Amino acid sequence: MASSPSPVQRTVLIVDDDRDIVETLCDIFELRGWRTLRAYDGQDAVRLATQNNVDWIVMDVRMPRLSGVEALQAIREKLPNVRVVLMTAFATNDLAARAERAGAARVLYKPFEPSTLFAVIDSAA
């Protein structure tokens, strides 16, 4: 009896300078069957995103070396179709506008429920 093909595993890059947030989000994604990659600043996010086959990036806005918006702009130059959710604890209209211009699928304001993040991902599928 032939077995059915297994679904393709999706990959998410989680980026935040707060390691606890990265680990928590990675745990949540892994429980849902995702492969996870971790970065702790914008420069590492750009490097990992361009060196791996990434389906989604969930990235903080305020980080050392490169902000989330700056990293998103650099990533977009090489990966114009990758989907990105930015997250921040600092809500401003200017931030939302800059993130949208840079190509973010959505900006989520911390703290947020994981169900909110997955609703964004599922609606884009």
PDB file of N, CA and C in Angstrom:
ATOM      1  N   MET A   1       0.854  -1.171   0.000  1.00  0.00           N
ATOM      2  CA  MET A   1       0.000   0.000   0.000  1.00  0.00           C
ATOM      3  C   MET A   1       0.899   1.232   0.000  1.00  0.00           C
ATOM      4  N   ALA A   2       0.672   2.150  -0.920  1.00  0.00           N
ATOM      5  CA  ALA A   2       1.492   3.359  -1.038  1.00  0.00           C
ATOM      6  C   ALA A   2       1.073   4.362   0.030  1.00  0.00           C
ATOM      7  N   SER A   3       2.074   5.003   0.590  1.00  0.00           N
ATOM      8  CA  SER A   3       1.755   6.024   1.587  1.00  0.00           C
ATOM      9  C   SER A   3       1.545   7.356   0.888  1.00  0.00           C
ATOM     10  N   SER A   4       0.696   8.169   1.463  1.00  0.00           N
ATOM     11  CA  SER A   4       0.453   9.489   0.867  1.00  0.00           C
ATOM     12  C   SER A   4       1.653  10.387   1.143  1.00  0.00           C
ATOM     13  N   PRO A   5       1.926  11.310   0.220  1.00  0.00           N
ATOM     14  CA  PRO A   5       3.082  12.188   0.437  1.00  0.00           C
ATOM     15  C   PRO A   5       2.871  13.066   1.662  1.00  0.00           C
ATOM     16  N   SER A   6       3.945  13.301   2.379  1.00  0.00           N
ATOM     17  CA  SER A   6       3.831  14.156   3.561  1.00  0.00           C
ATOM     18  C   SER A   6       3.797  15.610   3.115  1.00  0.00           C
ATOM     19  N   PRO A   7       3.102  16.454   3.854  1.00  0.00           N
ATOM     20  CA  PRO A   7       3.034  17.862   3.476  1.00  0.00           C
ATOM     21  C   PRO A   7       4.416  18.506   3.573  1.00  0.00           C
ATOM     22  N   VAL A   8       4.622  19.495   2.731  1.00  0.00           N
ATOM     23  CA  VAL A   8       5.891  20.215   2.739  1.00  0.00           C
ATOM     24  C   VAL A   8       5.963  21.057   4.009  1.00  0.00           C
ATOM     25  N   GLN A   9       7.076  20.943   4.711  1.00  0.00           N
ATOM     26  CA  GLN A   9       7.237  21.691   5.945  1.00  0.00           C
ATOM     27  C   GLN A   9       7.577  23.146   5.622  1.00  0.00           C
ATOM     28  N   ARG A  10       6.840  24.058   6.206  1.00  0.00           N
ATOM     29  CA  ARG A  10       7.103  25.478   6.009  1.00  0.00           C
ATOM     30  C   ARG A  10       8.161  25.939   7.002  1.00  0.00           C
ATOM     31  N   THR A  11       8.869  27.005   6.613  1.00  0.00           N
ATOM     32  CA  THR A  11       9.940  27.538   7.447  1.00  0.00           C
ATOM     33  C   THR A  11       9.635  28.980   7.810  1.00  0.00           C
ATOM     34  N   VAL A  12       9.838  29.298   9.091  1.00  0.00           N
ATOM     35  CA  VAL A  12       9.672  30.663   9.583  1.00  0.00           C
ATOM     36  C   VAL A  12      10.971  31.099  10.243  1.00  0.00           C
ATOM     37  N   LEU A  13      11.339  32.335   9.992  1.00  0.00           N
ATOM     38  CA  LEU A  13      12.476  32.978  10.659  1.00  0.00           C
ATOM     39  C   LEU A  13      11.910  33.911  11.713  1.00  0.00           C
ATOM     40  N   ILE A  14      12.272  33.677  12.970  1.00  0.00           N
ATOM     41  CA  ILE A  14      11.830  34.520  14.084  1.00  0.00           C
ATOM     42  C   ILE A  14      12.997  35.417  14.474  1.00  0.00           C
ATOM     43  N   VAL A  15      12.733  36.736  14.535  1.00  0.00           N
ATOM     44  CA  VAL A  15      13.797  37.705  14.785  1.00  0.00           C
ATOM     45  C   VAL A  15      13.376  38.677  15.883  1.00  0.00           C
ATOM     46  N   ASP A  16      14.148  38.696  16.957  1.00  0.00           N
ATOM     47  CA  ASP A  16      13.901  39.642  18.048  1.00  0.00           C
ATOM     48  C   ASP A  16      15.164  39.661  18.906  1.00  0.00           C
ATOM     49  N   ASP A  17      15.500  40.818  19.468  1.00  0.00           N
ATOM     50  CA  ASP A  17      16.664  40.871  20.354  1.00  0.00           C
ATOM     51  C   ASP A  17      16.335  40.328  21.741  1.00  0.00           C
ATOM     52  N   ASP A  18      15.070  40.052  21.999  1.00  0.00           N
ATOM     53  CA  ASP A  18      14.646  39.410  23.247  1.00  0.00           C
ATOM     54  C   ASP A  18      14.604  37.900  22.997  1.00  0.00           C
ATOM     55  N   ARG A  19      15.594  37.197  23.524  1.00  0.00           N
ATOM     56  CA  ARG A  19      15.714  35.760  23.261  1.00  0.00           C
ATOM     57  C   ARG A  19      14.513  34.963  23.768  1.00  0.00           C
ATOM     58  N   ASP A  20      13.888  35.411  24.850  1.00  0.00           N
ATOM     59  CA  ASP A  20      12.714  34.710  25.366  1.00  0.00           C
ATOM     60  C   ASP A  20      11.568  34.741  24.361  1.00  0.00           C
ATOM     61  N   ILE A  21      11.368  35.875  23.708  1.00  0.00           N
ATOM     62  CA  ILE A  21      10.317  35.984  22.689  1.00  0.00           C
ATOM     63  C   ILE A  21      10.621  35.057  21.525  1.00  0.00           C
ATOM     64  N   VAL A  22      11.880  35.044  21.087  1.00  0.00           N
ATOM     65  CA  VAL A  22      12.275  34.169  19.976  1.00  0.00           C
ATOM     66  C   VAL A  22      11.991  32.708  20.338  1.00  0.00           C
ATOM     67  N   GLU A  23      12.423  32.286  21.512  1.00  0.00           N
ATOM     68  CA  GLU A  23      12.232  30.890  21.907  1.00  0.00           C
ATOM     69  C   GLU A  23      10.750  30.534  22.029  1.00  0.00           C
ATOM     70  N   THR A  24       9.970  31.428  22.617  1.00  0.00           N
ATOM     71  CA  THR A  24       8.538  31.163  22.776  1.00  0.00           C
ATOM     72  C   THR A  24       7.854  31.025  21.421  1.00  0.00           C
ATOM     73  N   LEU A  25       8.123  31.964  20.511  1.00  0.00           N
ATOM     74  CA  LEU A  25       7.499  31.887  19.190  1.00  0.00           C
ATOM     75  C   LEU A  25       7.973  30.649  18.419  1.00  0.00           C
ATOM     76  N   CYS A  26       9.249  30.331  18.524  1.00  0.00           N
ATOM     77  CA  CYS A  26       9.747  29.124  17.857  1.00  0.00           C
ATOM     78  C   CYS A  26       9.042  27.883  18.398  1.00  0.00           C
ATOM     79  N   ASP A  27       8.868  27.795  19.708  1.00  0.00           N
ATOM     80  CA  ASP A  27       8.157  26.654  20.300  1.00  0.00           C
ATOM     81  C   ASP A  27       6.739  26.543  19.734  1.00  0.00           C
ATOM     82  N   ILE A  28       6.057  27.663  19.627  1.00  0.00           N
ATOM     83  CA  ILE A  28       4.674  27.670  19.125  1.00  0.00           C
ATOM     84  C   ILE A  28       4.632  27.211  17.673  1.00  0.00           C
ATOM     85  N   PHE A  29       5.532  27.737  16.851  1.00  0.00           N
ATOM     86  CA  PHE A  29       5.570  27.328  15.444  1.00  0.00           C
ATOM     87  C   PHE A  29       5.933  25.852  15.307  1.00  0.00           C
ATOM     88  N   GLU A  30       6.905  25.399  16.089  1.00  0.00           N
ATOM     89  CA  GLU A  30       7.329  24.001  16.007  1.00  0.00           C
ATOM     90  C   GLU A  30       6.195  23.057  16.401  1.00  0.00           C
ATOM     91  N   LEU A  31       5.385  23.438  17.383  1.00  0.00           N
ATOM     92  CA  LEU A  31       4.229  22.618  17.761  1.00  0.00           C
ATOM     93  C   LEU A  31       3.237  22.495  16.607  1.00  0.00           C
ATOM     94  N   ARG A  32       3.248  23.473  15.714  1.00  0.00           N
ATOM     95  CA  ARG A  32       2.367  23.448  14.544  1.00  0.00           C
ATOM     96  C   ARG A  32       3.047  22.828  13.324  1.00  0.00           C
ATOM     97  N   GLY A  33       4.245  22.254  13.535  1.00  0.00           N
ATOM     98  CA  GLY A  33       4.909  21.538  12.462  1.00  0.00           C
ATOM     99  C   GLY A  33       5.839  22.355  11.578  1.00  0.00           C
ATOM    100  N   TRP A  34       6.116  23.582  11.967  1.00  0.00           N
ATOM    101  CA  TRP A  34       6.999  24.437  11.182  1.00  0.00           C
ATOM    102  C   TRP A  34       8.461  24.165  11.527  1.00  0.00           C
ATOM    103  N   ARG A  35       9.340  24.394  10.574  1.00  0.00           N
ATOM    104  CA  ARG A  35      10.786  24.465  10.802  1.00  0.00           C
ATOM    105  C   ARG A  35      11.070  25.911  11.190  1.00  0.00           C
ATOM    106  N   THR A  36      11.901  26.114  12.200  1.00  0.00           N
ATOM    107  CA  THR A  36      12.170  27.479  12.669  1.00  0.00           C
ATOM    108  C   THR A  36      13.649  27.824  12.550  1.00  0.00           C
ATOM    109  N   LEU A  37      13.891  29.087  12.279  1.00  0.00           N
ATOM    110  CA  LEU A  37      15.228  29.670  12.304  1.00  0.00           C
ATOM    111  C   LEU A  37      15.181  30.841  13.268  1.00  0.00           C
ATOM    112  N   ARG A  38      16.316  31.114  13.929  1.00  0.00           N
ATOM    113  CA  ARG A  38      16.366  32.165  14.940  1.00  0.00           C
ATOM    114  C   ARG A  38      17.406  33.209  14.577  1.00  0.00           C
ATOM    115  N   ALA A  39      17.046  34.491  14.778  1.00  0.00           N
ATOM    116  CA  ALA A  39      17.998  35.596  14.648  1.00  0.00           C
ATOM    117  C   ALA A  39      17.685  36.589  15.757  1.00  0.00           C
ATOM    118  N   TYR A  40      18.731  37.316  16.186  1.00  0.00           N
ATOM    119  CA  TYR A  40      18.573  38.205  17.334  1.00  0.00           C
ATOM    120  C   TYR A  40      18.869  39.664  16.995  1.00  0.00           C
ATOM    121  N   ASP A  41      19.100  39.953  15.715  1.00  0.00           N
ATOM    122  CA  ASP A  41      19.232  41.338  15.258  1.00  0.00           C
ATOM    123  C   ASP A  41      18.956  41.374  13.760  1.00  0.00           C
ATOM    124  N   GLY A  42      18.826  42.578  13.235  1.00  0.00           N
ATOM    125  CA  GLY A  42      18.463  42.749  11.833  1.00  0.00           C
ATOM    126  C   GLY A  42      19.496  42.213  10.849  1.00  0.00           C
ATOM    127  N   GLN A  43      20.768  42.380  11.147  1.00  0.00           N
ATOM    128  CA  GLN A  43      21.802  41.891  10.235  1.00  0.00           C
ATOM    129  C   GLN A  43      21.755  40.378  10.105  1.00  0.00           C
ATOM    130  N   ASP A  44      21.618  39.691  11.223  1.00  0.00           N
ATOM    131  CA  ASP A  44      21.511  38.235  11.168  1.00  0.00           C
ATOM    132  C   ASP A  44      20.237  37.810  10.439  1.00  0.00           C
ATOM    133  N   ALA A  45      19.174  38.583  10.587  1.00  0.00           N
ATOM    134  CA  ALA A  45      17.924  38.274   9.883  1.00  0.00           C
ATOM    135  C   ALA A  45      18.129  38.321   8.373  1.00  0.00           C
ATOM    136  N   VAL A  46      18.815  39.335   7.891  1.00  0.00           N
ATOM    137  CA  VAL A  46      19.070  39.460   6.452  1.00  0.00           C
ATOM    138  C   VAL A  46      19.899  38.272   5.977  1.00  0.00           C
ATOM    139  N   ARG A  47      20.953  37.947   6.715  1.00  0.00           N
ATOM    140  CA  ARG A  47      21.832  36.838   6.336  1.00  0.00           C
ATOM    141  C   ARG A  47      21.062  35.521   6.288  1.00  0.00           C
ATOM    142  N   LEU A  48      20.318  35.206   7.348  1.00  0.00           N
ATOM    143  CA  LEU A  48      19.591  33.936   7.406  1.00  0.00           C
ATOM    144  C   LEU A  48      18.482  33.861   6.358  1.00  0.00           C
ATOM    145  N   ALA A  49      17.777  34.954   6.155  1.00  0.00           N
ATOM    146  CA  ALA A  49      16.688  34.959   5.181  1.00  0.00           C
ATOM    147  C   ALA A  49      17.205  34.705   3.774  1.00  0.00           C
ATOM    148  N   THR A  50      18.355  35.274   3.450  1.00  0.00           N
ATOM    149  CA  THR A  50      18.878  35.126   2.092  1.00  0.00           C
ATOM    150  C   THR A  50      19.631  33.815   1.895  1.00  0.00           C
ATOM    151  N   GLN A  51      20.001  33.136   2.971  1.00  0.00           N
ATOM    152  CA  GLN A  51      20.726  31.861   2.862  1.00  0.00           C
ATOM    153  C   GLN A  51      19.823  30.642   3.010  1.00  0.00           C
ATOM    154  N   ASN A  52      18.566  30.852   3.325  1.00  0.00           N
ATOM    155  CA  ASN A  52      17.641  29.745   3.569  1.00  0.00           C
ATOM    156  C   ASN A  52      16.354  29.956   2.780  1.00  0.00           C
ATOM    157  N   ASN A  53      15.634  28.865   2.584  1.00  0.00           N
ATOM    158  CA  ASN A  53      14.341  28.932   1.932  1.00  0.00           C
ATOM    159  C   ASN A  53      13.290  29.232   3.005  1.00  0.00           C
ATOM    160  N   VAL A  54      12.948  30.491   3.165  1.00  0.00           N
ATOM    161  CA  VAL A  54      12.071  30.951   4.244  1.00  0.00           C
ATOM    162  C   VAL A  54      10.706  31.307   3.667  1.00  0.00           C
ATOM    163  N   ASP A  55       9.651  30.805   4.300  1.00  0.00           N
ATOM    164  CA  ASP A  55       8.293  31.120   3.869  1.00  0.00           C
ATOM    165  C   ASP A  55       7.765  32.398   4.521  1.00  0.00           C
ATOM    166  N   TRP A  56       8.084  32.556   5.800  1.00  0.00           N
ATOM    167  CA  TRP A  56       7.623  33.711   6.578  1.00  0.00           C
ATOM    168  C   TRP A  56       8.751  34.215   7.455  1.00  0.00           C
ATOM    169  N   ILE A  57       8.700  35.505   7.758  1.00  0.00           N
ATOM    170  CA  ILE A  57       9.582  36.113   8.746  1.00  0.00           C
ATOM    171  C   ILE A  57       8.700  36.857   9.742  1.00  0.00           C
ATOM    172  N   VAL A  58       8.924  36.607  11.014  1.00  0.00           N
ATOM    173  CA  VAL A  58       8.244  37.340  12.085  1.00  0.00           C
ATOM    174  C   VAL A  58       9.353  38.086  12.806  1.00  0.00           C
ATOM    175  N   MET A  59       9.312  39.442  12.734  1.00  0.00           N
ATOM    176  CA  MET A  59      10.476  40.231  13.140  1.00  0.00           C
ATOM    177  C   MET A  59      10.076  41.452  13.959  1.00  0.00           C
ATOM    178  N   ASP A  60      10.846  41.665  15.015  1.00  0.00           N
ATOM    179  CA  ASP A  60      10.671  42.851  15.842  1.00  0.00           C
ATOM    180  C   ASP A  60      11.126  44.080  15.069  1.00  0.00           C
ATOM    181  N   VAL A  61      10.614  45.227  15.431  1.00  0.00           N
ATOM    182  CA  VAL A  61      10.998  46.474  14.768  1.00  0.00           C
ATOM    183  C   VAL A  61      12.254  47.065  15.397  1.00  0.00           C
ATOM    184  N   ARG A  62      12.286  47.154  16.722  1.00  0.00           N
ATOM    185  CA  ARG A  62      13.425  47.778  17.412  1.00  0.00           C
ATOM    186  C   ARG A  62      14.465  46.735  17.788  1.00  0.00           C
ATOM    187  N   MET A  63      15.589  46.769  17.054  1.00  0.00           N
ATOM    188  CA  MET A  63      16.674  45.814  17.302  1.00  0.00           C
ATOM    189  C   MET A  63      18.012  46.488  17.036  1.00  0.00           C
ATOM    190  N   PRO A  64      19.092  45.906  17.577  1.00  0.00           N
ATOM    191  CA  PRO A  64      20.417  46.455  17.308  1.00  0.00           C
ATOM    192  C   PRO A  64      20.863  46.188  15.867  1.00  0.00           C
ATOM    193  N   ARG A  65      21.826  46.924  15.427  1.00  0.00           N
ATOM    194  CA  ARG A  65      22.498  46.835  14.125  1.00  0.00           C
ATOM    195  C   ARG A  65      21.600  47.237  12.958  1.00  0.00           C
ATOM    196  N   LEU A  66      20.480  46.635  12.778  1.00  0.00           N
ATOM    197  CA  LEU A  66      19.491  47.029  11.767  1.00  0.00           C
ATOM    198  C   LEU A  66      18.114  46.907  12.396  1.00  0.00           C
ATOM    199  N   SER A  67      17.278  47.899  12.186  1.00  0.00           N
ATOM    200  CA  SER A  67      15.905  47.793  12.691  1.00  0.00           C
ATOM    201  C   SER A  67      15.148  46.776  11.843  1.00  0.00           C
ATOM    202  N   GLY A  68      13.981  46.386  12.314  1.00  0.00           N
ATOM    203  CA  GLY A  68      13.160  45.459  11.546  1.00  0.00           C
ATOM    204  C   GLY A  68      12.774  46.020  10.187  1.00  0.00           C
ATOM    205  N   VAL A  69      12.467  47.310  10.118  1.00  0.00           N
ATOM    206  CA  VAL A  69      12.101  47.928   8.838  1.00  0.00           C
ATOM    207  C   VAL A  69      13.313  47.962   7.908  1.00  0.00           C
ATOM    208  N   GLU A  70      14.480  48.317   8.432  1.00  0.00           N
ATOM    209  CA  GLU A  70      15.698  48.321   7.605  1.00  0.00           C
ATOM    210  C   GLU A  70      16.030  46.916   7.114  1.00  0.00           C
ATOM    211  N   ALA A  71      15.902  45.926   7.992  1.00  0.00           N
ATOM    212  CA  ALA A  71      16.165  44.538   7.604  1.00  0.00           C
ATOM    213  C   ALA A  71      15.162  44.090   6.546  1.00  0.00           C
ATOM    214  N   LEU A  72      13.901  44.455   6.727  1.00  0.00           N
ATOM    215  CA  LEU A  72      12.877  44.104   5.750  1.00  0.00           C
ATOM    216  C   LEU A  72      13.217  44.691   4.377  1.00  0.00           C
ATOM    217  N   GLN A  73      13.643  45.943   4.349  1.00  0.00           N
ATOM    218  CA  GLN A  73      14.007  46.569   3.076  1.00  0.00           C
ATOM    219  C   GLN A  73      15.164  45.825   2.409  1.00  0.00           C
ATOM    220  N   ALA A  74      16.169  45.433   3.192  1.00  0.00           N
ATOM    221  CA  ALA A  74      17.313  44.705   2.642  1.00  0.00           C
ATOM    222  C   ALA A  74      16.893  43.316   2.155  1.00  0.00           C
ATOM    223  N   ILE A  75      16.026  42.671   2.886  1.00  0.00           N
ATOM    224  CA  ILE A  75      15.553  41.334   2.501  1.00  0.00           C
ATOM    225  C   ILE A  75      14.725  41.419   1.224  1.00  0.00           C
ATOM    226  N   ARG A  76      13.878  42.424   1.127  1.00  0.00           N
ATOM    227  CA  ARG A  76      13.012  42.605  -0.046  1.00  0.00           C
ATOM    228  C   ARG A  76      13.816  42.757  -1.340  1.00  0.00           C
ATOM    229  N   GLU A  77      15.017  43.339  -1.247  1.00  0.00           N
ATOM    230  CA  GLU A  77      15.843  43.496  -2.442  1.00  0.00           C
ATOM    231  C   GLU A  77      16.205  42.144  -3.051  1.00  0.00           C
ATOM    232  N   LYS A  78      16.395  41.141  -2.197  1.00  0.00           N
ATOM    233  CA  LYS A  78      16.800  39.813  -2.664  1.00  0.00           C
ATOM    234  C   LYS A  78      15.646  38.821  -2.705  1.00  0.00           C
ATOM    235  N   LEU A  79      14.671  39.008  -1.846  1.00  0.00           N
ATOM    236  CA  LEU A  79      13.533  38.083  -1.751  1.00  0.00           C
ATOM    237  C   LEU A  79      12.224  38.882  -1.798  1.00  0.00           C
ATOM    238  N   PRO A  80      11.834  39.322  -2.980  1.00  0.00           N
ATOM    239  CA  PRO A  80      10.672  40.211  -3.058  1.00  0.00           C
ATOM    240  C   PRO A  80       9.351  39.570  -2.646  1.00  0.00           C
ATOM    241  N   ASN A  81       9.287  38.235  -2.607  1.00  0.00           N
ATOM    242  CA  ASN A  81       8.007  37.580  -2.322  1.00  0.00           C
ATOM    243  C   ASN A  81       7.874  36.986  -0.930  1.00  0.00           C
ATOM    244  N   VAL A  82       8.923  37.076  -0.105  1.00  0.00           N
ATOM    245  CA  VAL A  82       8.818  36.510   1.234  1.00  0.00           C
ATOM    246  C   VAL A  82       7.801  37.328   2.038  1.00  0.00           C
ATOM    247  N   ARG A  83       7.044  36.618   2.864  1.00  0.00           N
ATOM    248  CA  ARG A  83       6.019  37.288   3.672  1.00  0.00           C
ATOM    249  C   ARG A  83       6.595  37.618   5.039  1.00  0.00           C
ATOM    250  N   VAL A  84       6.296  38.842   5.496  1.00  0.00           N
ATOM    251  CA  VAL A  84       6.885  39.334   6.739  1.00  0.00           C
ATOM    252  C   VAL A  84       5.810  39.956   7.620  1.00  0.00           C
ATOM    253  N   VAL A  85       5.842  39.573   8.902  1.00  0.00           N
ATOM    254  CA  VAL A  85       5.030  40.219   9.922  1.00  0.00           C
ATOM    255  C   VAL A  85       6.006  40.931  10.850  1.00  0.00           C
ATOM    256  N   LEU A  86       5.812  42.216  11.026  1.00  0.00           N
ATOM    257  CA  LEU A  86       6.620  42.973  11.987  1.00  0.00           C
ATOM    258  C   LEU A  86       5.857  43.046  13.301  1.00  0.00           C
ATOM    259  N   MET A  87       6.596  43.035  14.394  1.00  0.00           N
ATOM    260  CA  MET A  87       5.975  43.147  15.719  1.00  0.00           C
ATOM    261  C   MET A  87       6.696  44.235  16.509  1.00  0.00           C
ATOM    262  N   THR A  88       5.925  44.943  17.323  1.00  0.00           N
ATOM    263  CA  THR A  88       6.505  46.033  18.100  1.00  0.00           C
ATOM    264  C   THR A  88       5.672  46.300  19.345  1.00  0.00           C
ATOM    265  N   ALA A  89       6.332  46.834  20.340  1.00  0.00           N
ATOM    266  CA  ALA A  89       5.637  47.302  21.537  1.00  0.00           C
ATOM    267  C   ALA A  89       5.382  48.804  21.451  1.00  0.00           C
ATOM    268  N   PHE A  90       5.854  49.430  20.371  1.00  0.00           N
ATOM    269  CA  PHE A  90       5.793  50.886  20.225  1.00  0.00           C
ATOM    270  C   PHE A  90       4.939  51.246  19.028  1.00  0.00           C
ATOM    271  N   ALA A  91       3.658  51.445  19.266  1.00  0.00           N
ATOM    272  CA  ALA A  91       2.717  51.719  18.180  1.00  0.00           C
ATOM    273  C   ALA A  91       2.749  53.180  17.766  1.00  0.00           C
ATOM    274  N   THR A  92       3.044  53.404  16.500  1.00  0.00           N
ATOM    275  CA  THR A  92       2.936  54.745  15.928  1.00  0.00           C
ATOM    276  C   THR A  92       2.382  54.630  14.519  1.00  0.00           C
ATOM    277  N   ASN A  93       1.668  55.660  14.079  1.00  0.00           N
ATOM    278  CA  ASN A  93       1.146  55.656  12.715  1.00  0.00           C
ATOM    279  C   ASN A  93       2.280  55.670  11.698  1.00  0.00           C
ATOM    280  N   ASP A  94       3.363  56.401  12.016  1.00  0.00           N
ATOM    281  CA  ASP A  94       4.509  56.466  11.120  1.00  0.00           C
ATOM    282  C   ASP A  94       5.122  55.088  10.925  1.00  0.00           C
ATOM    283  N   LEU A  95       5.242  54.323  11.996  1.00  0.00           N
ATOM    284  CA  LEU A  95       5.805  52.984  11.916  1.00  0.00           C
ATOM    285  C   LEU A  95       4.967  52.107  11.004  1.00  0.00           C
ATOM    286  N   ALA A  96       3.664  52.112  11.188  1.00  0.00           N
ATOM    287  CA  ALA A  96       2.785  51.290  10.364  1.00  0.00           C
ATOM    288  C   ALA A  96       2.912  51.675   8.891  1.00  0.00           C
ATOM    289  N   ALA A  97       2.988  52.961   8.619  1.00  0.00           N
ATOM    290  CA  ALA A  97       3.127  53.423   7.236  1.00  0.00           C
ATOM    291  C   ALA A  97       4.466  52.995   6.638  1.00  0.00           C
ATOM    292  N   ARG A  98       5.550  53.135   7.404  1.00  0.00           N
ATOM    293  CA  ARG A  98       6.877  52.715   6.921  1.00  0.00           C
ATOM    294  C   ARG A  98       6.918  51.218   6.685  1.00  0.00           C
ATOM    295  N   ALA A  99       6.333  50.448   7.593  1.00  0.00           N
ATOM    296  CA  ALA A  99       6.317  48.997   7.457  1.00  0.00           C
ATOM    297  C   ALA A  99       5.525  48.581   6.219  1.00  0.00           C
ATOM    298  N   GLU A 100       4.414  49.230   5.997  1.00  0.00           N
ATOM    299  CA  GLU A 100       3.591  48.922   4.824  1.00  0.00           C
ATOM    300  C   GLU A 100       4.345  49.253   3.537  1.00  0.00           C
ATOM    301  N   ARG A 101       4.994  50.403   3.506  1.00  0.00           N
ATOM    302  CA  ARG A 101       5.779  50.780   2.316  1.00  0.00           C
ATOM    303  C   ARG A 101       6.915  49.799   2.070  1.00  0.00           C
ATOM    304  N   ALA A 102       7.490  49.255   3.145  1.00  0.00           N
ATOM    305  CA  ALA A 102       8.592  48.299   3.018  1.00  0.00           C
ATOM    306  C   ALA A 102       8.098  46.910   2.612  1.00  0.00           C
ATOM    307  N   GLY A 103       6.792  46.682   2.682  1.00  0.00           N
ATOM    308  CA  GLY A 103       6.241  45.416   2.233  1.00  0.00           C
ATOM    309  C   GLY A 103       5.823  44.443   3.315  1.00  0.00           C
ATOM    310  N   ALA A 104       5.661  44.897   4.547  1.00  0.00           N
ATOM    311  CA  ALA A 104       5.209  44.006   5.616  1.00  0.00           C
ATOM    312  C   ALA A 104       3.759  43.589   5.371  1.00  0.00           C
ATOM    313  N   ALA A 105       3.469  42.324   5.624  1.00  0.00           N
ATOM    314  CA  ALA A 105       2.098  41.833   5.498  1.00  0.00           C
ATOM    315  C   ALA A 105       1.217  42.445   6.583  1.00  0.00           C
ATOM    316  N   ARG A 106       1.832  42.676   7.753  1.00  0.00           N
ATOM    317  CA  ARG A 106       1.074  43.209   8.889  1.00  0.00           C
ATOM    318  C   ARG A 106       2.032  43.646   9.980  1.00  0.00           C
ATOM    319  N   VAL A 107       1.605  44.602  10.802  1.00  0.00           N
ATOM    320  CA  VAL A 107       2.327  44.981  12.014  1.00  0.00           C
ATOM    321  C   VAL A 107       1.461  44.550  13.194  1.00  0.00           C
ATOM    322  N   LEU A 108       2.034  43.735  14.083  1.00  0.00           N
ATOM    323  CA  LEU A 108       1.325  43.314  15.293  1.00  0.00           C
ATOM    324  C   LEU A 108       1.939  44.026  16.483  1.00  0.00           C
ATOM    325  N   TYR A 109       1.088  44.451  17.387  1.00  0.00           N
ATOM    326  CA  TYR A 109       1.547  45.194  18.559  1.00  0.00           C
ATOM    327  C   TYR A 109       1.611  44.264  19.756  1.00  0.00           C
ATOM    328  N   LYS A 110       2.796  44.215  20.388  1.00  0.00           N
ATOM    329  CA  LYS A 110       3.033  43.366  21.559  1.00  0.00           C
ATOM    330  C   LYS A 110       2.293  43.924  22.757  1.00  0.00           C
ATOM    331  N   PRO A 111       1.795  43.069  23.597  1.00  0.00           N
ATOM    332  CA  PRO A 111       1.714  41.618  23.452  1.00  0.00           C
ATOM    333  C   PRO A 111       0.540  41.247  22.543  1.00  0.00           C
ATOM    334  N   PHE A 112       0.666  40.138  21.845  1.00  0.00           N
ATOM    335  CA  PHE A 112      -0.414  39.649  20.994  1.00  0.00           C
ATOM    336  C   PHE A 112      -0.570  38.149  21.236  1.00  0.00           C
ATOM    337  N   GLU A 113      -1.732  37.658  20.910  1.00  0.00           N
ATOM    338  CA  GLU A 113      -2.013  36.230  21.040  1.00  0.00           C
ATOM    339  C   GLU A 113      -1.458  35.510  19.820  1.00  0.00           C
ATOM    340  N   PRO A 114      -0.890  34.326  20.007  1.00  0.00           N
ATOM    341  CA  PRO A 114      -0.422  33.553  18.851  1.00  0.00           C
ATOM    342  C   PRO A 114      -1.522  33.345  17.808  1.00  0.00           C
ATOM    343  N   SER A 115      -2.770  33.222  18.243  1.00  0.00           N
ATOM    344  CA  SER A 115      -3.866  33.027  17.296  1.00  0.00           C
ATOM    345  C   SER A 115      -3.984  34.205  16.333  1.00  0.00           C
ATOM    346  N   THR A 116      -3.647  35.406  16.789  1.00  0.00           N
ATOM    347  CA  THR A 116      -3.676  36.575  15.918  1.00  0.00           C
ATOM    348  C   THR A 116      -2.612  36.463  14.828  1.00  0.00           C
ATOM    349  N   LEU A 117      -1.425  36.040  15.213  1.00  0.00           N
ATOM    350  CA  LEU A 117      -0.331  35.841  14.249  1.00  0.00           C
ATOM    351  C   LEU A 117      -0.718  34.767  13.227  1.00  0.00           C
ATOM    352  N   PHE A 118      -1.254  33.647  13.682  1.00  0.00           N
ATOM    353  CA  PHE A 118      -1.605  32.581  12.750  1.00  0.00           C
ATOM    354  C   PHE A 118      -2.809  32.943  11.888  1.00  0.00           C
ATOM    355  N   ALA A 119      -3.677  33.825  12.368  1.00  0.00           N
ATOM    356  CA  ALA A 119      -4.773  34.310  11.518  1.00  0.00           C
ATOM    357  C   ALA A 119      -4.217  35.104  10.334  1.00  0.00           C
ATOM    358  N   VAL A 120      -3.172  35.904  10.580  1.00  0.00           N
ATOM    359  CA  VAL A 120      -2.534  36.646   9.499  1.00  0.00           C
ATOM    360  C   VAL A 120      -1.895  35.672   8.496  1.00  0.00           C
ATOM    361  N   ILE A 121      -1.176  34.700   9.008  1.00  0.00           N
ATOM    362  CA  ILE A 121      -0.513  33.719   8.142  1.00  0.00           C
ATOM    363  C   ILE A 121      -1.524  32.904   7.353  1.00  0.00           C
ATOM    364  N   ASP A 122      -2.566  32.427   8.021  1.00  0.00           N
ATOM    365  CA  ASP A 122      -3.562  31.595   7.365  1.00  0.00           C
ATOM    366  C   ASP A 122      -4.340  32.381   6.315  1.00  0.00           C
ATOM    367  N   SER A 123      -4.581  33.669   6.562  1.00  0.00           N
ATOM    368  CA  SER A 123      -5.353  34.479   5.603  1.00  0.00           C
ATOM    369  C   SER A 123      -4.543  34.755   4.339  1.00  0.00           C
ATOM    370  N   ALA A 124      -3.222  34.640   4.420  1.00  0.00           N
ATOM    371  CA  ALA A 124      -2.375  34.887   3.260  1.00  0.00           C
ATOM    372  C   ALA A 124      -2.119  33.624   2.446  1.00  0.00           C
ATOM    373  N   ALA A 125      -2.526  32.488   2.987  1.00  0.00           N
ATOM    374  CA  ALA A 125      -2.257  31.201   2.314  1.00  0.00           C
ATOM    375  C   ALA A 125      -3.136  31.007   1.101  1.00  0.00           C
TER     376      ALA A 125
END
